[in-house]
């Protein structure tokens, strides 16, 4: 496995979810649904099985993370000898598409960043056909699946992956997105990540405002509710047990579990807490 499971944070759009490591790597993502085949599977293997990493090229001396207010918008701050950067990760969805967004903001100094995107469909078993669109977005296609990379900096395609290097400046933000859609449909329009992050944050804040508090445990209970909501499919209301799959019950054990489904036992429970309720 690429990293310890406790080192991963979850982001999602109530249709699917991604796991982001402390090193800035998205090592697990199924598109377009929780139970779809994965396009990043490094969680179960290594980078050759698919991942998307954005991190400083130099040694990272300190990492801190938090979720922005009452949302699933993840902020990871990385410090190096040259300065500090913040990577903001979140997901959104639109009709017929599901999108991952990554924003890199310079906080201090000038930090050289490296990004490597390896798309591997169907649990790491399929290499996509890669091409560049007229607007310079990069397209990855395998059968009915299509992913499109939209980037503020140029990526180079070589050795079966897409890579880029860039330098951050204090106060400036660079936006990146990777969107899924069916390859037999029209190519989606480019995204405005700066506007979408405000829209997504507003949506989460509005939903969380229905929570009336739980005394001294309010922060913990609300974070648990947000996590459960992120694991709840927006159309069916089904709650998946977890975003992970195929991890052993114990180290070296042979019993693996796939939690990306709505278990009948869990689906019979109706959650209601101080005005917040969902299936």
Protein backbone atom coordinates (compact mmCIF):
# COMPACT_ATOMS: atom_id res chain seq x y z
CA UNK A 1 0.00 0.00 0.00
CA UNK A 2 1.27 3.49 -0.88
CA UNK A 3 0.81 4.95 2.62
CA UNK A 4 -0.78 4.37 6.02
CA UNK A 5 -4.56 4.53 5.87
CA UNK A 6 -4.57 7.06 8.73
CA UNK A 7 -2.51 9.43 6.54
CA UNK A 8 -5.35 9.83 4.05
CA UNK A 9 -8.10 12.45 4.07
CA UNK A 10 -11.32 12.12 2.10
CA UNK A 11 -12.87 14.58 -0.34
CA UNK A 12 -16.08 13.96 -2.24
CA UNK A 13 -19.12 15.26 -4.08
CA UNK A 14 -21.88 12.93 -2.78
CA UNK A 15 -21.41 10.74 -5.86
CA UNK A 16 -17.87 9.47 -5.34
CA UNK A 17 -14.87 10.15 -3.12
CA UNK A 18 -11.08 10.46 -3.35
CA UNK A 19 -8.38 9.75 -0.77
CA UNK A 20 -5.59 12.34 -0.49
CA UNK A 21 -2.32 11.51 1.25
CA UNK A 22 -0.24 13.82 3.42
CA UNK A 23 2.31 13.91 0.59
CA UNK A 24 -0.18 15.57 -1.77
CA UNK A 25 -0.99 12.40 -3.71
CA UNK A 26 -4.51 11.28 -4.60
CA UNK A 27 -4.02 7.52 -4.37
CA UNK A 28 -7.62 6.30 -4.65
CA UNK A 29 -10.48 7.55 -6.82
CA UNK A 30 -13.39 5.76 -8.47
CA UNK A 31 -15.28 7.57 -11.22
CA UNK A 32 -18.05 8.41 -11.64
CA UNK A 33 -19.54 6.57 -8.62
CA UNK A 34 -18.40 5.13 -5.33
CA UNK A 35 -18.73 1.61 -6.77
CA UNK A 36 -17.13 2.32 -10.17
CA UNK A 37 -13.74 0.99 -11.20
CA UNK A 38 -10.85 3.11 -9.93
CA UNK A 39 -8.67 5.38 -12.05
CA UNK A 40 -6.17 5.89 -9.20
CA UNK A 41 -5.25 2.67 -7.38
CA UNK A 42 -1.90 3.46 -5.72
CA UNK A 43 -3.66 2.92 -2.37
CA UNK A 44 -3.45 -0.83 -3.05
CA UNK A 45 -0.09 -0.84 -4.83
CA UNK A 46 2.25 1.95 -5.91
CA UNK A 47 2.34 4.96 -8.26
CA UNK A 48 2.37 2.72 -11.34
CA UNK A 49 -1.22 1.75 -10.48
CA UNK A 50 -2.40 5.34 -10.92
CA UNK A 51 -2.25 8.49 -8.83
CA UNK A 52 -2.10 12.30 -9.04
CA UNK A 53 0.55 13.95 -6.90
CA UNK A 54 1.25 17.65 -6.46
CA UNK A 55 4.04 18.40 -4.00
CA UNK A 56 7.22 20.44 -3.52
CA UNK A 57 10.20 19.14 -5.47
CA UNK A 58 12.45 19.69 -2.43
CA UNK A 59 12.22 17.93 0.92
CA UNK A 60 9.09 18.76 2.89
CA UNK A 61 9.90 19.61 6.50
CA UNK A 62 6.38 20.04 7.88
CA UNK A 63 2.83 19.14 6.83
CA UNK A 64 -0.41 20.35 8.41
CA UNK A 65 -3.95 19.72 7.22
CA UNK A 66 -7.47 20.84 7.97
CA UNK A 67 -10.92 20.98 6.42
CA UNK A 68 -12.18 24.44 5.57
CA UNK A 69 -14.93 25.32 8.05
CA UNK A 70 -17.98 23.04 7.69
CA UNK A 71 -17.05 21.41 4.39
CA UNK A 72 -15.14 18.60 2.69
CA UNK A 73 -12.71 21.13 1.18
CA UNK A 74 -9.26 19.95 2.28
CA UNK A 75 -6.36 22.35 2.88
CA UNK A 76 -2.84 20.89 3.12
CA UNK A 77 0.05 23.19 4.01
CA UNK A 78 3.56 22.02 3.13
CA UNK A 79 6.74 23.74 4.26
CA UNK A 80 10.24 23.48 2.78
CA UNK A 81 13.51 25.33 3.27
CA UNK A 82 12.43 27.67 0.44
CA UNK A 83 8.97 28.57 1.70
CA UNK A 84 5.45 27.25 2.16
CA UNK A 85 2.49 26.35 -0.07
CA UNK A 86 -1.11 25.32 0.49
CA UNK A 87 -2.86 22.72 -1.68
CA UNK A 88 -6.65 22.94 -1.58
CA UNK A 89 -8.49 19.82 -2.77
CA UNK A 90 -12.22 19.40 -3.34
CA UNK A 91 -14.74 17.78 -5.69
CA UNK A 92 -17.79 18.99 -7.57
CA UNK A 93 -20.27 17.45 -9.95
CA UNK A 94 -22.33 18.58 -12.93
CA UNK A 95 -24.76 16.81 -15.22
CA UNK A 96 -22.96 13.87 -16.78
CA UNK A 97 -19.60 14.76 -15.21
CA UNK A 98 -17.67 14.49 -11.94
CA UNK A 99 -14.65 16.70 -11.21
CA UNK A 100 -11.63 16.83 -8.88
CA UNK A 101 -10.10 20.25 -8.24
CA UNK A 102 -6.67 21.14 -6.88
CA UNK A 103 -5.58 24.69 -6.07
CA UNK A 104 -1.94 25.51 -5.25
CA UNK A 105 -1.41 28.75 -3.34
CA UNK A 106 1.98 30.24 -2.48
CA UNK A 107 2.17 31.27 1.18
CA UNK A 108 5.82 32.16 1.70
CA UNK A 109 8.93 32.25 -0.51
CA UNK A 110 9.20 30.66 -3.94
CA UNK A 111 8.65 26.90 -3.93
CA UNK A 112 9.35 24.65 -6.92
CA UNK A 113 6.47 22.21 -7.30
CA UNK A 114 6.23 18.90 -9.15
CA UNK A 115 3.06 17.25 -10.41
CA UNK A 116 2.70 13.77 -11.84
CA UNK A 117 -0.57 12.39 -13.15
CA UNK A 118 -0.88 8.69 -13.94
CA UNK A 119 -4.36 7.71 -15.12
CA UNK A 120 -4.97 3.95 -14.95
CA UNK A 121 -8.54 2.84 -15.54
CA UNK A 122 -10.26 -0.29 -14.23
CA UNK A 123 -8.24 -0.71 -11.03
CA UNK A 124 -4.92 0.08 -12.67
CA UNK A 125 -5.26 -2.47 -15.48
CA UNK A 126 -5.97 -0.16 -18.47
CA UNK A 127 -3.72 2.48 -19.97
CA UNK A 128 -5.83 5.23 -21.58
CA UNK A 129 -5.34 6.77 -25.01
CA UNK A 130 -3.91 10.25 -24.42
CA UNK A 131 -4.35 13.28 -26.69
CA UNK A 132 -4.39 17.05 -26.44
CA UNK A 133 -7.46 19.14 -27.18
CA UNK A 134 -7.32 22.37 -29.18
CA UNK A 135 -7.65 24.42 -25.98
CA UNK A 136 -4.59 22.59 -24.58
CA UNK A 137 -6.53 20.42 -22.14
CA UNK A 138 -5.33 16.80 -22.04
CA UNK A 139 -7.78 13.99 -22.74
CA UNK A 140 -7.50 10.40 -21.45
CA UNK A 141 -9.89 7.85 -23.01
CA UNK A 142 -10.46 4.15 -22.35
CA UNK A 143 -13.70 2.69 -23.71
CA UNK A 144 -16.67 4.63 -22.31
CA UNK A 145 -14.53 6.55 -19.81
CA UNK A 146 -12.98 9.93 -20.53
CA UNK A 147 -10.93 12.12 -18.19
CA UNK A 148 -9.87 15.66 -19.05
CA UNK A 149 -7.05 17.52 -17.32
CA UNK A 150 -7.37 21.29 -17.16
CA UNK A 151 -4.25 22.99 -15.86
CA UNK A 152 -2.90 26.46 -15.18
CA UNK A 153 0.58 25.24 -16.20
CA UNK A 154 1.67 23.09 -19.17
CA UNK A 155 1.94 19.33 -18.68
CA UNK A 156 4.22 17.10 -20.72
CA UNK A 157 3.14 13.59 -21.68
CA UNK A 158 5.94 11.02 -21.56
CA UNK A 159 6.72 7.61 -20.07
CA UNK A 160 3.02 6.82 -19.68
CA UNK A 161 2.32 9.79 -17.41
CA UNK A 162 1.74 13.56 -17.50
CA UNK A 163 4.19 15.74 -15.58
CA UNK A 164 4.71 19.42 -14.84
CA UNK A 165 7.02 21.63 -12.81
CA UNK A 166 6.20 25.16 -11.71
CA UNK A 167 7.16 27.72 -9.08
CA UNK A 168 4.75 29.27 -6.59
CA UNK A 169 4.69 32.91 -5.56
CA UNK A 170 3.20 34.31 -2.33
CA UNK A 171 -0.46 35.20 -2.68
CA UNK A 172 -0.93 33.62 -6.11
CA UNK A 173 -3.10 30.55 -6.76
CA UNK A 174 -2.86 28.08 -9.64
CA UNK A 175 -5.91 25.95 -10.48
CA UNK A 176 -6.01 22.35 -11.73
CA UNK A 177 -8.95 20.04 -12.40
CA UNK A 178 -9.54 16.51 -13.63
CA UNK A 179 -13.03 15.71 -14.85
CA UNK A 180 -14.76 12.46 -15.81
CA UNK A 181 -17.42 12.14 -18.51
CA UNK A 182 -18.61 9.51 -20.99
CA UNK A 183 -16.31 9.37 -24.02
CA UNK A 184 -19.27 8.99 -26.40
CA UNK A 185 -20.74 12.35 -25.36
CA UNK A 186 -19.66 15.89 -26.22
CA UNK A 187 -16.53 17.21 -24.52
CA UNK A 188 -17.54 19.23 -21.42
CA UNK A 189 -16.80 22.93 -21.28
CA UNK A 190 -13.76 24.16 -19.32
CA UNK A 191 -14.26 24.75 -15.60
CA UNK A 192 -13.95 27.87 -13.48
CA UNK A 193 -12.38 26.37 -10.37
CA UNK A 194 -12.18 29.70 -8.52
CA UNK A 195 -15.96 30.11 -8.79
CA UNK A 196 -16.67 26.46 -8.05
CA UNK A 197 -14.82 26.43 -4.74
CA UNK A 198 -17.05 29.24 -3.50
CA UNK A 199 -20.14 27.40 -4.73
CA UNK A 200 -19.09 24.14 -3.09
CA UNK A 201 -18.20 25.83 0.20
CA UNK A 202 -21.53 27.67 0.25
CA UNK A 203 -23.38 24.41 -0.36
CA UNK A 204 -21.66 22.62 2.50
CA UNK A 205 -22.11 25.58 4.85
CA UNK A 206 -25.81 25.79 4.07
CA UNK A 207 -26.26 22.08 4.73
CA UNK A 208 -24.23 22.17 7.97
CA UNK A 209 -26.15 25.21 9.27
CA UNK A 210 -29.08 22.89 10.05
CA UNK A 211 -27.04 21.35 12.87
CA UNK A 212 -28.12 22.84 16.20
CA UNK A 213 -25.12 21.68 18.21
CA UNK A 214 -24.25 18.88 20.61
CA UNK A 215 -22.67 20.69 23.51
CA UNK A 216 -18.96 20.20 24.05
CA UNK A 217 -18.91 17.57 21.30
CA UNK A 218 -20.39 19.81 18.60
CA UNK A 219 -17.24 20.04 16.46
CA UNK A 220 -16.68 16.28 16.47
CA UNK A 221 -20.32 15.42 15.82
CA UNK A 222 -20.60 17.93 12.97
CA UNK A 223 -17.42 16.60 11.35
CA UNK A 224 -18.83 13.07 11.58
CA UNK A 225 -22.08 14.25 9.98
CA UNK A 226 -20.18 15.94 7.14
CA UNK A 227 -18.21 12.74 6.53
CA UNK A 228 -21.39 10.67 6.46
CA UNK A 229 -23.00 13.15 4.10
CA UNK A 230 -19.97 12.92 1.83
CA UNK A 231 -20.46 9.14 1.71
CA UNK A 232 -24.16 9.49 0.86
CA UNK A 233 -25.18 9.25 -2.80
CA UNK A 234 -27.06 12.40 -3.79
CA UNK A 235 -29.69 10.55 -5.88
CA UNK A 236 -30.39 7.34 -3.97
CA UNK A 237 -29.60 8.47 -0.41
CA UNK A 238 -27.62 5.26 0.11
CA UNK A 239 -24.66 5.57 2.51
CA UNK A 240 -21.57 3.58 1.55
CA UNK A 241 -19.73 2.04 4.48
CA UNK A 242 -16.42 3.69 3.47
CA UNK A 243 -14.58 4.98 0.43
CA UNK A 244 -11.96 2.21 0.54
CA UNK A 245 -11.75 -1.27 -0.93
CA UNK A 246 -9.61 -4.41 -0.75
CA UNK A 247 -7.67 -3.47 2.38
CA UNK A 248 -6.84 -6.42 4.67
CA UNK A 249 -8.68 -6.80 7.94
CA UNK A 250 -5.26 -7.12 9.59
CA UNK A 251 -1.72 -6.60 8.30
CA UNK A 252 -0.76 -9.64 6.28
CA UNK A 253 -4.28 -11.02 6.58
CA UNK A 254 -6.21 -12.68 3.80
CA UNK A 255 -9.63 -11.21 4.57
CA UNK A 256 -10.23 -8.12 2.41
CA UNK A 257 -13.34 -5.96 2.46
CA UNK A 258 -14.93 -3.72 -0.14
CA UNK A 259 -16.82 -1.00 1.69
CA UNK A 260 -17.89 1.08 -1.33
CA UNK A 261 -21.42 -0.25 -1.21
CA UNK A 262 -24.56 0.48 0.78
CA UNK A 263 -24.95 -2.46 3.14
CA UNK A 264 -28.54 -3.54 3.83
CA UNK A 265 -27.98 -3.37 7.58
CA UNK A 266 -26.76 0.23 7.41
CA UNK A 267 -29.40 1.28 4.88
CA UNK A 268 -32.20 0.44 7.33
CA UNK A 269 -31.01 3.10 9.77
CA UNK A 270 -32.51 6.56 9.49
CA UNK A 271 -30.16 9.20 10.86
CA UNK A 272 -31.71 12.20 12.57
CA UNK A 273 -29.86 14.69 14.76
CA UNK A 274 -31.23 18.12 15.74
CA UNK A 275 -32.88 18.80 12.43
CA UNK A 276 -30.25 17.15 10.21
CA UNK A 277 -31.54 13.96 8.69
CA UNK A 278 -30.65 11.91 5.68
CA UNK A 279 -30.67 8.29 4.52
